[in-house]
Amino acid sequence: MGNYVNLKEKAYDLIKNKIINLEFMPGDYLEEKKLSELLNVSRTPIREALARLEAEMWVSNIPRKGIFVTLVDENMLNNIFQAREYFEPAILGMAFNNLSSIKLNIFRERFLNYENLSQEDKDKLDNDFHLYILNSVDNVFVQNMMVTTFEHVVRVRKLSFDKKLKKRINESNDEHITVIDFILAGKKDEAVETLRKHIEKSYTYYLGLLF
């Protein structure tokens, strides 16, 4: 039983990571048999992994056609950022007193040296900062709910890498530093509002960039 569960998790993780990293592009057809051969996993755990991925909006099961990687369309983008704008500021408020000034200063220093990082490391720094705030909340339900949203943001960002992101990346970097400065100063309301505006600006920018 344990081995079967591990196979399901293996299939789920491998397929999801290939979607996030654009090895499986939006709109790609995913055939169970080929996935089974590619991942060296039998078709039953593949099928169950795909059902879980469908529930998390990574794939769509279209009747009489099959399973496809979900498109990142305007509706998908709106749903992702609507969730972020609604929940992330509240999460920062909940986590505020749990945030370490030492860790925040480390993040601040890394954001100040942002230009020296590779694109991959810049992306990781952005993700790590938002995940640090999320993981500082003493609520596993909130954490589990938002992790999938953050993973969808990673895919959106990767889809935008070849486009004109430099200006927004620099703005976003400055916004992260401002959020950190407000937290370090003990100004919760200002930090929360700055984070909300940061998410709103990111949504507007990606909307214009991708559509």
C-alpha atoms as a PDB file:
ATOM      1  CA  MET A   1       0.000   0.000   0.000  1.00  0.00           C
ATOM      2  CA  GLY A   2       2.783   2.392   0.957  1.00  0.00           C
ATOM      3  CA  ASN A   3       4.609   1.772  -2.314  1.00  0.00           C
ATOM      4  CA  TYR A   4       1.436   2.490  -4.318  1.00  0.00           C
ATOM      5  CA  VAL A   5       0.903   5.784  -2.468  1.00  0.00           C
ATOM      6  CA  ASN A   6       4.516   6.687  -3.209  1.00  0.00           C
ATOM      7  CA  LEU A   7       3.969   5.960  -6.909  1.00  0.00           C
ATOM      8  CA  LYS A   8       0.919   8.257  -6.936  1.00  0.00           C
ATOM      9  CA  GLU A   9       2.930  11.020  -5.271  1.00  0.00           C
ATOM     10  CA  LYS A  10       5.836  10.449  -7.647  1.00  0.00           C
ATOM     11  CA  ALA A  11       3.559  10.702 -10.686  1.00  0.00           C
ATOM     12  CA  TYR A  12       1.800  13.773  -9.289  1.00  0.00           C
ATOM     13  CA  ASP A  13       5.047  15.594  -8.467  1.00  0.00           C
ATOM     14  CA  LEU A  14       6.750  14.755 -11.759  1.00  0.00           C
ATOM     15  CA  ILE A  15       3.820  15.795 -13.959  1.00  0.00           C
ATOM     16  CA  LYS A  16       3.175  18.978 -11.978  1.00  0.00           C
ATOM     17  CA  ASN A  17       6.838  19.992 -12.097  1.00  0.00           C
ATOM     18  CA  LYS A  18       6.933  19.453 -15.854  1.00  0.00           C
ATOM     19  CA  ILE A  19       3.853  21.694 -16.202  1.00  0.00           C
ATOM     20  CA  ILE A  20       5.297  24.412 -13.942  1.00  0.00           C
ATOM     21  CA  ASN A  21       8.656  24.329 -15.730  1.00  0.00           C
ATOM     22  CA  LEU A  22       6.967  24.390 -19.159  1.00  0.00           C
ATOM     23  CA  GLU A  23       8.245  20.987 -20.251  1.00  0.00           C
ATOM     24  CA  PHE A  24       4.524  20.377 -20.752  1.00  0.00           C
ATOM     25  CA  MET A  25       3.226  23.581 -22.310  1.00  0.00           C
ATOM     26  CA  PRO A  26      -0.292  25.033 -21.918  1.00  0.00           C
ATOM     27  CA  GLY A  27      -2.614  23.150 -24.261  1.00  0.00           C
ATOM     28  CA  ASP A  28      -0.385  20.068 -24.559  1.00  0.00           C
ATOM     29  CA  TYR A  29      -2.186  16.727 -24.779  1.00  0.00           C
ATOM     30  CA  LEU A  30      -1.236  14.308 -21.989  1.00  0.00           C
ATOM     31  CA  GLU A  31      -1.682  10.667 -22.924  1.00  0.00           C
ATOM     32  CA  GLU A  32      -1.708   8.193 -20.022  1.00  0.00           C
ATOM     33  CA  LYS A  33       0.289   5.555 -21.902  1.00  0.00           C
ATOM     34  CA  LYS A  34       3.055   7.964 -22.876  1.00  0.00           C
ATOM     35  CA  LEU A  35       3.173   9.437 -19.361  1.00  0.00           C
ATOM     36  CA  SER A  36       3.459   5.928 -17.948  1.00  0.00           C
ATOM     37  CA  GLU A  37       6.411   5.173 -20.225  1.00  0.00           C
ATOM     38  CA  LEU A  38       8.055   8.553 -19.660  1.00  0.00           C
ATOM     39  CA  LEU A  39       7.796   8.461 -15.864  1.00  0.00           C
ATOM     40  CA  ASN A  40       8.243   4.695 -15.491  1.00  0.00           C
ATOM     41  CA  VAL A  41       5.024   4.481 -13.461  1.00  0.00           C
ATOM     42  CA  SER A  42       2.013   2.242 -14.173  1.00  0.00           C
ATOM     43  CA  ARG A  43      -1.142   3.803 -15.606  1.00  0.00           C
ATOM     44  CA  THR A  44      -3.316   3.533 -12.469  1.00  0.00           C
ATOM     45  CA  PRO A  45      -1.227   5.926 -10.325  1.00  0.00           C
ATOM     46  CA  ILE A  46      -0.863   8.153 -13.407  1.00  0.00           C
ATOM     47  CA  ARG A  47      -4.657   8.296 -13.702  1.00  0.00           C
ATOM     48  CA  GLU A  48      -5.085   9.175 -10.020  1.00  0.00           C
ATOM     49  CA  ALA A  49      -2.344  11.790 -10.199  1.00  0.00           C
ATOM     50  CA  LEU A  50      -4.088  13.399 -13.182  1.00  0.00           C
ATOM     51  CA  ALA A  51      -7.371  13.516 -11.248  1.00  0.00           C
ATOM     52  CA  ARG A  52      -5.618  15.407  -8.447  1.00  0.00           C
ATOM     53  CA  LEU A  53      -3.940  17.728 -10.934  1.00  0.00           C
ATOM     54  CA  GLU A  54      -7.324  18.440 -12.508  1.00  0.00           C
ATOM     55  CA  ALA A  55      -8.724  19.422  -9.103  1.00  0.00           C
ATOM     56  CA  GLU A  56      -5.820  21.870  -8.735  1.00  0.00           C
ATOM     57  CA  MET A  57      -6.379  23.331 -12.231  1.00  0.00           C
ATOM     58  CA  TRP A  58      -3.156  22.044 -13.764  1.00  0.00           C
ATOM     59  CA  VAL A  59      -4.945  19.889 -16.341  1.00  0.00           C
ATOM     60  CA  SER A  60      -8.387  19.767 -17.943  1.00  0.00           C
ATOM     61  CA  ASN A  61     -10.249  16.560 -18.809  1.00  0.00           C
ATOM     62  CA  ILE A  62     -12.209  17.320 -21.968  1.00  0.00           C
ATOM     63  CA  PRO A  63     -14.904  14.711 -22.761  1.00  0.00           C
ATOM     64  CA  ARG A  64     -14.143  12.563 -25.847  1.00  0.00           C
ATOM     65  CA  LYS A  65     -10.853  14.410 -26.359  1.00  0.00           C
ATOM     66  CA  GLY A  66      -8.648  13.639 -23.384  1.00  0.00           C
ATOM     67  CA  ILE A  67      -6.505  15.419 -20.834  1.00  0.00           C
ATOM     68  CA  PHE A  68      -4.729  18.665 -21.654  1.00  0.00           C
ATOM     69  CA  VAL A  69      -2.482  21.049 -19.743  1.00  0.00           C
ATOM     70  CA  THR A  70      -4.616  24.030 -18.726  1.00  0.00           C
ATOM     71  CA  LEU A  71      -4.220  27.241 -20.658  1.00  0.00           C
ATOM     72  CA  VAL A  72      -3.126  30.392 -18.873  1.00  0.00           C
ATOM     73  CA  ASP A  73      -5.933  32.595 -20.170  1.00  0.00           C
ATOM     74  CA  GLU A  74      -7.357  35.839 -18.793  1.00  0.00           C
ATOM     75  CA  ASN A  75      -9.808  33.996 -16.565  1.00  0.00           C
ATOM     76  CA  MET A  76      -7.058  31.799 -15.085  1.00  0.00           C
ATOM     77  CA  LEU A  77      -4.821  34.818 -14.476  1.00  0.00           C
ATOM     78  CA  ASN A  78      -7.687  36.723 -12.853  1.00  0.00           C
ATOM     79  CA  ASN A  79      -8.506  33.804 -10.554  1.00  0.00           C
ATOM     80  CA  ILE A  80      -4.884  33.386  -9.469  1.00  0.00           C
ATOM     81  CA  PHE A  81      -4.347  37.039  -8.639  1.00  0.00           C
ATOM     82  CA  GLN A  82      -7.794  37.519  -7.127  1.00  0.00           C
ATOM     83  CA  ALA A  83      -6.928  34.758  -4.650  1.00  0.00           C
ATOM     84  CA  ARG A  84      -3.564  36.357  -3.946  1.00  0.00           C
ATOM     85  CA  GLU A  85      -4.952  39.861  -3.485  1.00  0.00           C
ATOM     86  CA  TYR A  86      -7.657  38.616  -1.127  1.00  0.00           C
ATOM     87  CA  PHE A  87      -5.624  36.215   1.011  1.00  0.00           C
ATOM     88  CA  GLU A  88      -1.963  37.309   0.998  1.00  0.00           C
ATOM     89  CA  PRO A  89      -2.441  40.662   2.761  1.00  0.00           C
ATOM     90  CA  ALA A  90      -4.525  38.901   5.424  1.00  0.00           C
ATOM     91  CA  ILE A  91      -1.816  36.252   5.748  1.00  0.00           C
ATOM     92  CA  LEU A  92       0.820  38.945   6.272  1.00  0.00           C
ATOM     93  CA  GLY A  93      -1.370  40.431   9.008  1.00  0.00           C
ATOM     94  CA  MET A  94      -1.690  37.020  10.664  1.00  0.00           C
ATOM     95  CA  ALA A  95       2.044  36.293  10.405  1.00  0.00           C
ATOM     96  CA  PHE A  96       3.252  39.793  11.294  1.00  0.00           C
ATOM     97  CA  ASN A  97       4.390  39.099  14.861  1.00  0.00           C
ATOM     98  CA  ASN A  98       6.028  35.804  13.871  1.00  0.00           C
ATOM     99  CA  LEU A  99       8.386  37.296  11.290  1.00  0.00           C
ATOM    100  CA  SER A 100      12.079  37.332  12.186  1.00  0.00           C
ATOM    101  CA  SER A 101      13.952  40.616  11.781  1.00  0.00           C
ATOM    102  CA  ILE A 102      17.117  38.601  11.102  1.00  0.00           C
ATOM    103  CA  LYS A 103      15.518  36.701   8.225  1.00  0.00           C
ATOM    104  CA  LEU A 104      13.842  39.843   6.892  1.00  0.00           C
ATOM    105  CA  ASN A 105      17.167  41.674   6.812  1.00  0.00           C
ATOM    106  CA  ILE A 106      18.709  38.748   4.928  1.00  0.00           C
ATOM    107  CA  PHE A 107      15.898  38.988   2.376  1.00  0.00           C
ATOM    108  CA  ARG A 108      16.370  42.758   2.213  1.00  0.00           C
ATOM    109  CA  GLU A 109      20.073  42.398   1.489  1.00  0.00           C
ATOM    110  CA  ARG A 110      19.381  39.849  -1.230  1.00  0.00           C
ATOM    111  CA  PHE A 111      16.788  42.132  -2.844  1.00  0.00           C
ATOM    112  CA  LEU A 112      19.304  45.000  -2.773  1.00  0.00           C
ATOM    113  CA  ASN A 113      21.715  42.795  -4.742  1.00  0.00           C
ATOM    114  CA  TYR A 114      18.982  41.569  -7.076  1.00  0.00           C
ATOM    115  CA  GLU A 115      20.729  42.681 -10.276  1.00  0.00           C
ATOM    116  CA  ASN A 116      23.616  40.296  -9.631  1.00  0.00           C
ATOM    117  CA  LEU A 117      21.358  37.223  -9.601  1.00  0.00           C
ATOM    118  CA  SER A 118      20.474  34.945 -12.494  1.00  0.00           C
ATOM    119  CA  GLN A 119      16.856  34.968 -13.667  1.00  0.00           C
ATOM    120  CA  GLU A 120      16.337  31.608 -11.987  1.00  0.00           C
ATOM    121  CA  ASP A 121      17.718  32.906  -8.680  1.00  0.00           C
ATOM    122  CA  LYS A 122      15.621  36.086  -8.939  1.00  0.00           C
ATOM    123  CA  ASP A 123      12.519  33.977  -9.388  1.00  0.00           C
ATOM    124  CA  LYS A 124      13.488  31.772  -6.437  1.00  0.00           C
ATOM    125  CA  LEU A 125      14.103  34.805  -4.216  1.00  0.00           C
ATOM    126  CA  ASP A 126      10.662  36.206  -5.042  1.00  0.00           C
ATOM    127  CA  ASN A 127       9.020  32.858  -4.284  1.00  0.00           C
ATOM    128  CA  ASP A 128      11.047  32.317  -1.116  1.00  0.00           C
ATOM    129  CA  PHE A 129      10.001  35.702   0.298  1.00  0.00           C
ATOM    130  CA  HIS A 130       6.286  35.120  -0.228  1.00  0.00           C
ATOM    131  CA  LEU A 131       6.564  31.545   1.057  1.00  0.00           C
ATOM    132  CA  TYR A 132       8.439  32.744   4.150  1.00  0.00           C
ATOM    133  CA  ILE A 133       5.488  34.964   5.060  1.00  0.00           C
ATOM    134  CA  LEU A 134       3.039  32.142   4.340  1.00  0.00           C
ATOM    135  CA  ASN A 135       4.991  29.594   6.385  1.00  0.00           C
ATOM    136  CA  SER A 136       5.093  31.999   9.333  1.00  0.00           C
ATOM    137  CA  VAL A 137       1.322  31.623   9.767  1.00  0.00           C
ATOM    138  CA  ASP A 138       0.290  29.107  12.435  1.00  0.00           C
ATOM    139  CA  ASN A 139      -2.415  27.634  10.218  1.00  0.00           C
ATOM    140  CA  VAL A 140      -1.712  24.587   8.065  1.00  0.00           C
ATOM    141  CA  PHE A 141      -5.033  24.954   6.206  1.00  0.00           C
ATOM    142  CA  VAL A 142      -4.096  28.446   5.028  1.00  0.00           C
ATOM    143  CA  GLN A 143      -0.642  27.223   4.027  1.00  0.00           C
ATOM    144  CA  ASN A 144      -1.947  24.282   2.009  1.00  0.00           C
ATOM    145  CA  MET A 145      -4.530  26.464   0.275  1.00  0.00           C
ATOM    146  CA  MET A 146      -2.002  29.053  -0.878  1.00  0.00           C
ATOM    147  CA  VAL A 147       0.888  26.803  -1.917  1.00  0.00           C
ATOM    148  CA  THR A 148      -0.934  25.734  -5.086  1.00  0.00           C
ATOM    149  CA  THR A 149      -1.714  29.372  -5.901  1.00  0.00           C
ATOM    150  CA  PHE A 150       1.964  30.289  -5.554  1.00  0.00           C
ATOM    151  CA  GLU A 151       2.922  27.387  -7.819  1.00  0.00           C
ATOM    152  CA  HIS A 152       0.544  28.687 -10.487  1.00  0.00           C
ATOM    153  CA  VAL A 153       2.223  32.096 -10.187  1.00  0.00           C
ATOM    154  CA  VAL A 154       5.578  30.431 -10.908  1.00  0.00           C
ATOM    155  CA  ARG A 155       4.201  29.059 -14.180  1.00  0.00           C
ATOM    156  CA  VAL A 156       2.818  32.480 -15.144  1.00  0.00           C
ATOM    157  CA  ARG A 157       6.195  34.046 -14.428  1.00  0.00           C
ATOM    158  CA  LYS A 158       8.047  31.439 -16.484  1.00  0.00           C
ATOM    159  CA  LEU A 159       5.674  32.016 -19.406  1.00  0.00           C
ATOM    160  CA  SER A 160       6.658  35.692 -19.243  1.00  0.00           C
ATOM    161  CA  PHE A 161      10.450  35.251 -19.090  1.00  0.00           C
ATOM    162  CA  ASP A 162      10.999  35.946 -22.776  1.00  0.00           C
ATOM    163  CA  LYS A 163       8.885  39.070 -22.689  1.00  0.00           C
ATOM    164  CA  LYS A 164       9.683  42.608 -21.498  1.00  0.00           C
ATOM    165  CA  LEU A 165       9.740  41.922 -17.773  1.00  0.00           C
ATOM    166  CA  LYS A 166      12.816  43.920 -16.700  1.00  0.00           C
ATOM    167  CA  LYS A 167      10.923  47.098 -15.751  1.00  0.00           C
ATOM    168  CA  ARG A 168       8.342  45.191 -13.699  1.00  0.00           C
ATOM    169  CA  ILE A 169      11.017  43.023 -12.067  1.00  0.00           C
ATOM    170  CA  ASN A 170      12.822  46.149 -10.840  1.00  0.00           C
ATOM    171  CA  GLU A 171       9.576  47.695  -9.589  1.00  0.00           C
ATOM    172  CA  SER A 172       8.604  44.452  -7.870  1.00  0.00           C
ATOM    173  CA  ASN A 173      12.013  44.283  -6.218  1.00  0.00           C
ATOM    174  CA  ASP A 174      11.577  47.800  -4.788  1.00  0.00           C
ATOM    175  CA  GLU A 175       8.087  46.897  -3.562  1.00  0.00           C
ATOM    176  CA  HIS A 176       9.437  43.863  -1.699  1.00  0.00           C
ATOM    177  CA  ILE A 177      12.011  46.075   0.035  1.00  0.00           C
ATOM    178  CA  THR A 178       9.288  48.571   1.006  1.00  0.00           C
ATOM    179  CA  VAL A 179       7.161  45.782   2.498  1.00  0.00           C
ATOM    180  CA  ILE A 180      10.165  44.566   4.498  1.00  0.00           C
ATOM    181  CA  ASP A 181      10.947  48.088   5.737  1.00  0.00           C
ATOM    182  CA  PHE A 182       7.385  48.565   6.981  1.00  0.00           C
ATOM    183  CA  ILE A 183       7.484  45.190   8.761  1.00  0.00           C
ATOM    184  CA  LEU A 184      10.819  46.002  10.415  1.00  0.00           C
ATOM    185  CA  ALA A 185       9.374  49.357  11.527  1.00  0.00           C
ATOM    186  CA  GLY A 186       6.380  47.590  13.088  1.00  0.00           C
ATOM    187  CA  LYS A 187       3.941  49.270  10.681  1.00  0.00           C
ATOM    188  CA  LYS A 188       1.508  46.445  10.012  1.00  0.00           C
ATOM    189  CA  ASP A 189      -1.196  48.381   8.154  1.00  0.00           C
ATOM    190  CA  GLU A 190       1.320  49.985   5.801  1.00  0.00           C
ATOM    191  CA  ALA A 191       3.037  46.652   5.125  1.00  0.00           C
ATOM    192  CA  VAL A 192      -0.270  44.925   4.404  1.00  0.00           C
ATOM    193  CA  GLU A 193      -1.461  47.681   2.057  1.00  0.00           C
ATOM    194  CA  THR A 194       1.881  47.802   0.221  1.00  0.00           C
ATOM    195  CA  LEU A 195       1.725  44.043  -0.328  1.00  0.00           C
ATOM    196  CA  ARG A 196      -1.833  44.331  -1.643  1.00  0.00           C
ATOM    197  CA  LYS A 197      -0.799  47.042  -4.115  1.00  0.00           C
ATOM    198  CA  HIS A 198       2.226  44.954  -5.127  1.00  0.00           C
ATOM    199  CA  ILE A 199      -0.036  42.027  -6.053  1.00  0.00           C
ATOM    200  CA  GLU A 200      -2.465  44.338  -7.869  1.00  0.00           C
ATOM    201  CA  LYS A 201       0.352  45.877  -9.933  1.00  0.00           C
ATOM    202  CA  SER A 202       1.734  42.441 -10.787  1.00  0.00           C
ATOM    203  CA  TYR A 203      -1.678  41.319 -12.027  1.00  0.00           C
ATOM    204  CA  THR A 204      -2.093  44.419 -14.199  1.00  0.00           C
ATOM    205  CA  TYR A 205       1.377  43.974 -15.650  1.00  0.00           C
ATOM    206  CA  TYR A 206       1.012  40.267 -16.458  1.00  0.00           C
ATOM    207  CA  LEU A 207      -2.415  40.920 -17.964  1.00  0.00           C
ATOM    208  CA  GLY A 208      -0.958  43.482 -20.357  1.00  0.00           C
ATOM    209  CA  LEU A 209       2.089  41.354 -21.084  1.00  0.00           C
ATOM    210  CA  LEU A 210       0.379  38.052 -21.827  1.00  0.00           C
ATOM    211  CA  PHE A 211      -2.845  39.306 -23.416  1.00  0.00           C
END
